[in-house]
N, C-alpha and C. Protein backbone atom coordinates (compact mmCIF):
# COMPACT_ATOMS: atom_id res chain seq x y z
N MET A 1 99.32 114.12 98.71
CA MET A 1 99.83 113.12 99.61
C MET A 1 100.59 113.75 100.78
N ALA A 2 101.25 114.86 100.51
CA ALA A 2 101.99 115.52 101.58
C ALA A 2 101.04 115.99 102.69
N LYS A 3 99.87 116.50 102.31
CA LYS A 3 98.89 116.94 103.32
C LYS A 3 98.40 115.75 104.14
N GLY A 4 98.18 114.63 103.49
CA GLY A 4 97.73 113.44 104.19
C GLY A 4 98.77 112.94 105.18
N ARG A 5 100.02 112.95 104.78
CA ARG A 5 101.10 112.53 105.68
C ARG A 5 101.23 113.51 106.85
N SER A 6 101.15 114.80 106.56
CA SER A 6 101.26 115.80 107.61
C SER A 6 100.11 115.67 108.62
N PHE A 7 98.90 115.50 108.10
CA PHE A 7 97.72 115.30 108.95
C PHE A 7 97.92 114.07 109.84
N THR A 8 98.39 112.98 109.25
CA THR A 8 98.60 111.74 109.98
C THR A 8 99.70 111.90 111.02
N ARG A 9 100.79 112.54 110.65
CA ARG A 9 101.90 112.75 111.59
C ARG A 9 101.42 113.52 112.82
N GLN A 10 100.62 114.58 112.58
CA GLN A 10 100.12 115.37 113.71
C GLN A 10 99.15 114.57 114.57
N ALA A 11 98.27 113.79 113.94
CA ALA A 11 97.33 112.97 114.70
C ALA A 11 98.08 111.95 115.56
N LEU A 12 99.10 111.32 115.00
CA LEU A 12 99.88 110.35 115.77
C LEU A 12 100.56 111.02 116.96
N ARG A 13 101.08 112.22 116.76
CA ARG A 13 101.68 112.96 117.88
C ARG A 13 100.63 113.27 118.94
N ASP A 14 99.47 113.75 118.50
CA ASP A 14 98.40 114.08 119.44
C ASP A 14 97.97 112.88 120.26
N TRP A 15 98.03 111.69 119.67
CA TRP A 15 97.62 110.46 120.36
C TRP A 15 98.77 109.80 121.11
N GLY A 16 99.94 110.44 121.12
CA GLY A 16 101.09 109.89 121.84
C GLY A 16 101.82 108.79 121.10
N TRP A 17 101.63 108.71 119.80
CA TRP A 17 102.24 107.65 119.00
C TRP A 17 103.23 108.21 117.98
N GLY A 18 103.71 109.42 118.15
CA GLY A 18 104.58 110.02 117.15
C GLY A 18 106.04 109.71 117.37
N GLY A 19 106.82 109.83 116.29
CA GLY A 19 108.26 109.72 116.37
C GLY A 19 108.83 108.34 116.62
N THR A 20 108.07 107.32 116.30
CA THR A 20 108.54 105.95 116.53
C THR A 20 108.64 105.21 115.20
N GLU A 21 109.27 104.07 115.22
CA GLU A 21 109.39 103.27 114.00
C GLU A 21 108.02 102.86 113.46
N THR A 22 107.12 102.45 114.35
CA THR A 22 105.80 102.04 113.90
C THR A 22 104.99 103.22 113.39
N SER A 23 105.17 104.41 113.97
CA SER A 23 104.46 105.58 113.44
C SER A 23 104.98 105.92 112.05
N GLU A 24 106.25 105.71 111.79
CA GLU A 24 106.79 105.90 110.44
C GLU A 24 106.19 104.89 109.47
N ASP A 25 105.98 103.65 109.95
CA ASP A 25 105.31 102.65 109.13
C ASP A 25 103.89 103.11 108.79
N ALA A 26 103.20 103.69 109.76
CA ALA A 26 101.84 104.18 109.53
C ALA A 26 101.83 105.27 108.46
N LEU A 27 102.83 106.15 108.48
CA LEU A 27 102.93 107.20 107.47
C LEU A 27 103.14 106.61 106.08
N LEU A 28 103.93 105.56 106.00
CA LEU A 28 104.15 104.91 104.71
C LEU A 28 102.87 104.23 104.23
N VAL A 29 102.12 103.62 105.13
CA VAL A 29 100.84 103.01 104.75
C VAL A 29 99.90 104.08 104.20
N VAL A 30 99.82 105.23 104.88
CA VAL A 30 98.99 106.33 104.39
C VAL A 30 99.43 106.75 102.99
N SER A 31 100.72 106.90 102.79
CA SER A 31 101.24 107.30 101.47
C SER A 31 100.86 106.30 100.40
N GLU A 32 101.00 105.02 100.69
CA GLU A 32 100.68 103.99 99.70
C GLU A 32 99.19 103.98 99.37
N LEU A 33 98.34 104.09 100.39
CA LEU A 33 96.89 104.10 100.13
C LEU A 33 96.48 105.34 99.35
N LEU A 34 97.06 106.49 99.69
CA LEU A 34 96.74 107.72 98.95
C LEU A 34 97.25 107.64 97.51
N THR A 35 98.43 107.08 97.33
CA THR A 35 98.98 106.93 95.98
C THR A 35 98.10 106.01 95.15
N ASN A 36 97.67 104.89 95.73
CA ASN A 36 96.79 103.98 94.99
C ASN A 36 95.48 104.67 94.61
N ALA A 37 94.91 105.46 95.52
CA ALA A 37 93.68 106.18 95.20
C ALA A 37 93.92 107.15 94.06
N SER A 38 95.06 107.80 94.06
CA SER A 38 95.40 108.76 93.00
C SER A 38 95.59 108.06 91.66
N LEU A 39 96.29 106.94 91.67
CA LEU A 39 96.60 106.24 90.42
C LEU A 39 95.43 105.45 89.85
N HIS A 40 94.58 104.91 90.72
CA HIS A 40 93.58 103.95 90.27
C HIS A 40 92.13 104.37 90.50
N ALA A 41 91.90 105.50 91.19
CA ALA A 41 90.51 105.83 91.55
C ALA A 41 90.21 107.32 91.51
N ASP A 42 90.88 108.07 90.68
CA ASP A 42 90.65 109.51 90.56
C ASP A 42 90.85 110.27 91.86
N GLY A 43 91.69 109.77 92.73
CA GLY A 43 92.07 110.50 93.93
C GLY A 43 91.28 110.15 95.16
N CYS A 44 91.82 110.58 96.27
CA CYS A 44 91.21 110.36 97.58
C CYS A 44 90.09 111.37 97.80
N GLN A 45 88.97 110.91 98.29
CA GLN A 45 87.88 111.80 98.66
C GLN A 45 87.93 112.14 100.14
N GLU A 46 88.45 111.20 100.93
CA GLU A 46 88.52 111.42 102.36
C GLU A 46 89.56 110.48 102.98
N LEU A 47 90.33 111.03 103.91
CA LEU A 47 91.27 110.25 104.71
C LEU A 47 90.73 110.27 106.14
N VAL A 48 90.47 109.07 106.69
CA VAL A 48 89.92 108.97 108.04
C VAL A 48 90.90 108.18 108.90
N LEU A 49 91.27 108.77 110.04
CA LEU A 49 92.12 108.10 111.02
C LEU A 49 91.32 107.91 112.29
N SER A 50 91.39 106.72 112.86
CA SER A 50 90.69 106.44 114.11
C SER A 50 91.66 105.79 115.08
N ALA A 51 91.73 106.33 116.28
CA ALA A 51 92.58 105.76 117.32
C ALA A 51 91.70 105.07 118.34
N GLY A 52 91.66 103.75 118.28
CA GLY A 52 90.89 102.99 119.24
C GLY A 52 91.80 102.42 120.31
N GLU A 53 91.19 101.75 121.27
CA GLU A 53 91.99 101.12 122.33
C GLU A 53 92.86 100.00 121.79
N THR A 54 92.40 99.36 120.70
CA THR A 54 93.13 98.20 120.19
C THR A 54 93.91 98.47 118.91
N ALA A 55 93.56 99.53 118.17
CA ALA A 55 94.24 99.74 116.88
C ALA A 55 94.10 101.17 116.37
N LEU A 56 95.07 101.53 115.55
CA LEU A 56 94.98 102.71 114.70
C LEU A 56 94.37 102.23 113.39
N ARG A 57 93.31 102.87 112.95
CA ARG A 57 92.67 102.50 111.69
C ARG A 57 92.85 103.66 110.71
N ILE A 58 93.31 103.32 109.53
CA ILE A 58 93.53 104.28 108.44
C ILE A 58 92.57 103.91 107.33
N GLU A 59 91.76 104.86 106.88
CA GLU A 59 90.82 104.61 105.77
C GLU A 59 91.01 105.67 104.71
N VAL A 60 91.09 105.22 103.46
CA VAL A 60 91.13 106.14 102.32
C VAL A 60 89.89 105.84 101.49
N HIS A 61 89.04 106.86 101.35
CA HIS A 61 87.79 106.73 100.59
C HIS A 61 87.97 107.35 99.21
N ASP A 62 87.40 106.69 98.21
CA ASP A 62 87.42 107.24 96.85
C ASP A 62 86.07 107.01 96.19
N ARG A 63 85.96 107.39 94.93
CA ARG A 63 84.66 107.35 94.24
C ARG A 63 84.57 106.25 93.19
N THR A 64 85.24 105.14 93.40
CA THR A 64 85.07 104.00 92.51
C THR A 64 84.80 102.77 93.37
N THR A 65 83.92 101.90 92.89
CA THR A 65 83.58 100.70 93.65
C THR A 65 84.48 99.52 93.30
N THR A 66 85.40 99.72 92.37
CA THR A 66 86.32 98.65 92.00
C THR A 66 87.29 98.40 93.15
N LEU A 67 87.24 97.18 93.70
CA LEU A 67 88.10 96.86 94.84
C LEU A 67 89.52 96.59 94.38
N PRO A 68 90.49 96.94 95.21
CA PRO A 68 91.89 96.71 94.82
C PRO A 68 92.22 95.22 94.82
N VAL A 69 93.13 94.86 93.97
CA VAL A 69 93.60 93.48 93.89
C VAL A 69 95.11 93.50 94.08
N ARG A 70 95.57 92.77 95.09
CA ARG A 70 97.00 92.70 95.31
C ARG A 70 97.59 91.77 94.25
N ARG A 71 98.53 92.31 93.51
CA ARG A 71 99.20 91.52 92.46
C ARG A 71 100.09 90.46 93.09
N PRO A 72 100.43 89.43 92.31
CA PRO A 72 101.44 88.49 92.81
C PRO A 72 102.73 89.25 93.09
N ALA A 73 103.70 88.59 93.62
CA ALA A 73 104.95 89.24 94.00
C ALA A 73 105.45 90.19 92.92
N PRO A 74 105.83 91.41 93.33
CA PRO A 74 106.37 92.36 92.37
C PRO A 74 107.62 91.82 91.70
N ARG A 75 107.79 92.17 90.45
CA ARG A 75 108.97 91.70 89.72
C ARG A 75 110.10 92.73 89.85
N PRO A 76 111.29 92.26 90.15
CA PRO A 76 112.43 93.18 90.26
C PRO A 76 112.63 93.95 88.96
N GLY A 77 112.89 95.22 89.08
CA GLY A 77 113.17 96.05 87.92
C GLY A 77 111.94 96.54 87.18
N VAL A 78 110.75 96.07 87.57
CA VAL A 78 109.51 96.50 86.91
C VAL A 78 108.78 97.43 87.88
N PRO A 79 108.52 98.68 87.44
CA PRO A 79 107.87 99.63 88.35
C PRO A 79 106.43 99.23 88.64
N GLY A 80 105.95 99.64 89.82
CA GLY A 80 104.57 99.43 90.20
C GLY A 80 104.32 98.07 90.82
N GLY A 81 103.12 97.95 91.38
CA GLY A 81 102.69 96.68 91.94
C GLY A 81 103.18 96.38 93.34
N ARG A 82 103.76 97.36 94.02
CA ARG A 82 104.30 97.11 95.35
C ARG A 82 103.45 97.69 96.47
N GLY A 83 102.56 98.62 96.15
CA GLY A 83 101.80 99.35 97.17
C GLY A 83 101.06 98.49 98.16
N LEU A 84 100.24 97.57 97.68
CA LEU A 84 99.48 96.73 98.60
C LEU A 84 100.36 95.72 99.32
N HIS A 85 101.48 95.34 98.72
CA HIS A 85 102.43 94.47 99.42
C HIS A 85 103.01 95.23 100.62
N ILE A 86 103.31 96.49 100.43
CA ILE A 86 103.83 97.31 101.52
C ILE A 86 102.78 97.47 102.61
N VAL A 87 101.55 97.79 102.20
CA VAL A 87 100.45 97.93 103.17
C VAL A 87 100.27 96.64 103.95
N GLU A 88 100.26 95.52 103.26
CA GLU A 88 100.07 94.22 103.90
C GLU A 88 101.20 93.92 104.89
N ARG A 89 102.41 94.26 104.51
CA ARG A 89 103.57 93.95 105.36
C ARG A 89 103.64 94.84 106.61
N LEU A 90 103.26 96.11 106.48
CA LEU A 90 103.40 97.05 107.59
C LEU A 90 102.20 97.11 108.51
N SER A 91 101.03 96.70 108.04
CA SER A 91 99.83 96.75 108.87
C SER A 91 99.53 95.36 109.43
N ASP A 92 98.68 95.33 110.42
CA ASP A 92 98.28 94.05 111.00
C ASP A 92 97.08 93.46 110.26
N HIS A 93 96.26 94.32 109.70
CA HIS A 93 95.09 93.91 108.91
C HIS A 93 94.84 94.98 107.87
N TRP A 94 94.31 94.57 106.73
CA TRP A 94 93.91 95.55 105.73
C TRP A 94 92.79 94.94 104.90
N GLY A 95 92.06 95.80 104.20
CA GLY A 95 90.98 95.31 103.36
C GLY A 95 90.34 96.47 102.62
N ALA A 96 89.24 96.17 101.96
CA ALA A 96 88.51 97.19 101.22
C ALA A 96 87.03 96.85 101.25
N GLN A 97 86.21 97.88 101.21
CA GLN A 97 84.77 97.67 101.22
C GLN A 97 84.11 98.68 100.30
N ALA A 98 83.35 98.18 99.34
CA ALA A 98 82.59 99.05 98.44
C ALA A 98 81.31 99.50 99.15
N TYR A 99 80.88 100.70 98.83
CA TYR A 99 79.62 101.22 99.36
C TYR A 99 79.07 102.24 98.37
N GLY A 100 77.81 102.26 98.14
CA GLY A 100 77.19 103.26 97.26
C GLY A 100 77.97 103.51 96.00
N THR A 101 78.56 104.68 95.90
CA THR A 101 79.29 105.07 94.69
C THR A 101 80.80 105.07 94.89
N GLY A 102 81.27 104.44 95.95
CA GLY A 102 82.72 104.45 96.20
C GLY A 102 83.16 103.26 97.02
N LYS A 103 84.32 103.42 97.59
CA LYS A 103 84.87 102.38 98.45
C LYS A 103 85.81 103.00 99.48
N ALA A 104 86.11 102.20 100.48
CA ALA A 104 87.13 102.56 101.47
C ALA A 104 88.16 101.44 101.47
N VAL A 105 89.42 101.81 101.35
CA VAL A 105 90.51 100.87 101.53
C VAL A 105 91.11 101.23 102.88
N TRP A 106 91.25 100.22 103.74
CA TRP A 106 91.65 100.48 105.11
C TRP A 106 92.80 99.57 105.54
N ALA A 107 93.48 100.04 106.57
CA ALA A 107 94.56 99.27 107.20
C ALA A 107 94.51 99.55 108.70
N GLU A 108 94.88 98.55 109.47
CA GLU A 108 94.93 98.71 110.92
C GLU A 108 96.30 98.31 111.44
N ILE A 109 96.77 99.09 112.41
CA ILE A 109 98.02 98.80 113.10
C ILE A 109 97.66 98.70 114.58
N GLU A 110 98.00 97.59 115.19
CA GLU A 110 97.65 97.36 116.58
C GLU A 110 98.26 98.42 117.49
N ALA A 111 97.43 98.92 118.39
CA ALA A 111 97.87 99.97 119.32
C ALA A 111 99.03 99.50 120.18
N SER A 112 99.06 98.20 120.49
CA SER A 112 100.16 97.70 121.32
C SER A 112 101.50 97.87 120.64
N ARG A 113 101.53 97.77 119.31
CA ARG A 113 102.79 97.99 118.58
C ARG A 113 103.21 99.45 118.68
N LEU A 114 102.25 100.36 118.55
CA LEU A 114 102.55 101.78 118.63
C LEU A 114 102.97 102.15 120.06
N SER A 115 102.30 101.59 121.05
CA SER A 115 102.60 101.88 122.45
C SER A 115 103.94 101.30 122.86
N ARG A 116 104.24 100.10 122.36
CA ARG A 116 105.52 99.47 122.67
C ARG A 116 106.67 100.34 122.19
N ASP A 117 106.52 100.90 121.01
CA ASP A 117 107.56 101.79 120.47
C ASP A 117 107.76 103.01 121.36
N VAL A 118 106.66 103.56 121.89
CA VAL A 118 106.77 104.74 122.75
C VAL A 118 107.59 104.39 123.98
N THR A 119 107.35 103.23 124.57
CA THR A 119 108.11 102.80 125.74
C THR A 119 109.57 102.58 125.39
N ALA A 120 109.82 101.93 124.24
CA ALA A 120 111.19 101.63 123.83
C ALA A 120 111.97 102.90 123.50
N ALA A 121 111.28 103.94 123.03
CA ALA A 121 111.95 105.17 122.59
C ALA A 121 112.40 106.02 123.79
N ARG A 122 111.87 105.76 124.95
CA ARG A 122 112.20 106.59 126.13
C ARG A 122 113.56 106.29 126.68
């Protein structure tokens, strides 16, 4: 997970979106998706980041076709069950798609949110 966060941090810097509150949110989304892949799908096979004009897209690919299910509200004091709630809260859109022998769980953060932070940070 540390490599995934480091890779993401550098990509965000390269795209001019580093060091902001929303970029920190993106790092947390990456961590949660990678953790879920590790806990529920024998690990991440690929982390894909895409910087489009409208959004940053984060995809975590694994080798199971079982789609994630967001649990009802996490219970206080009970570990687990918060990852997809965090992803849902910090991203603008998220989902999962099965393909062949695996799936991709993805999240998108609107570029305007990342760009707004860059302006505010100056």
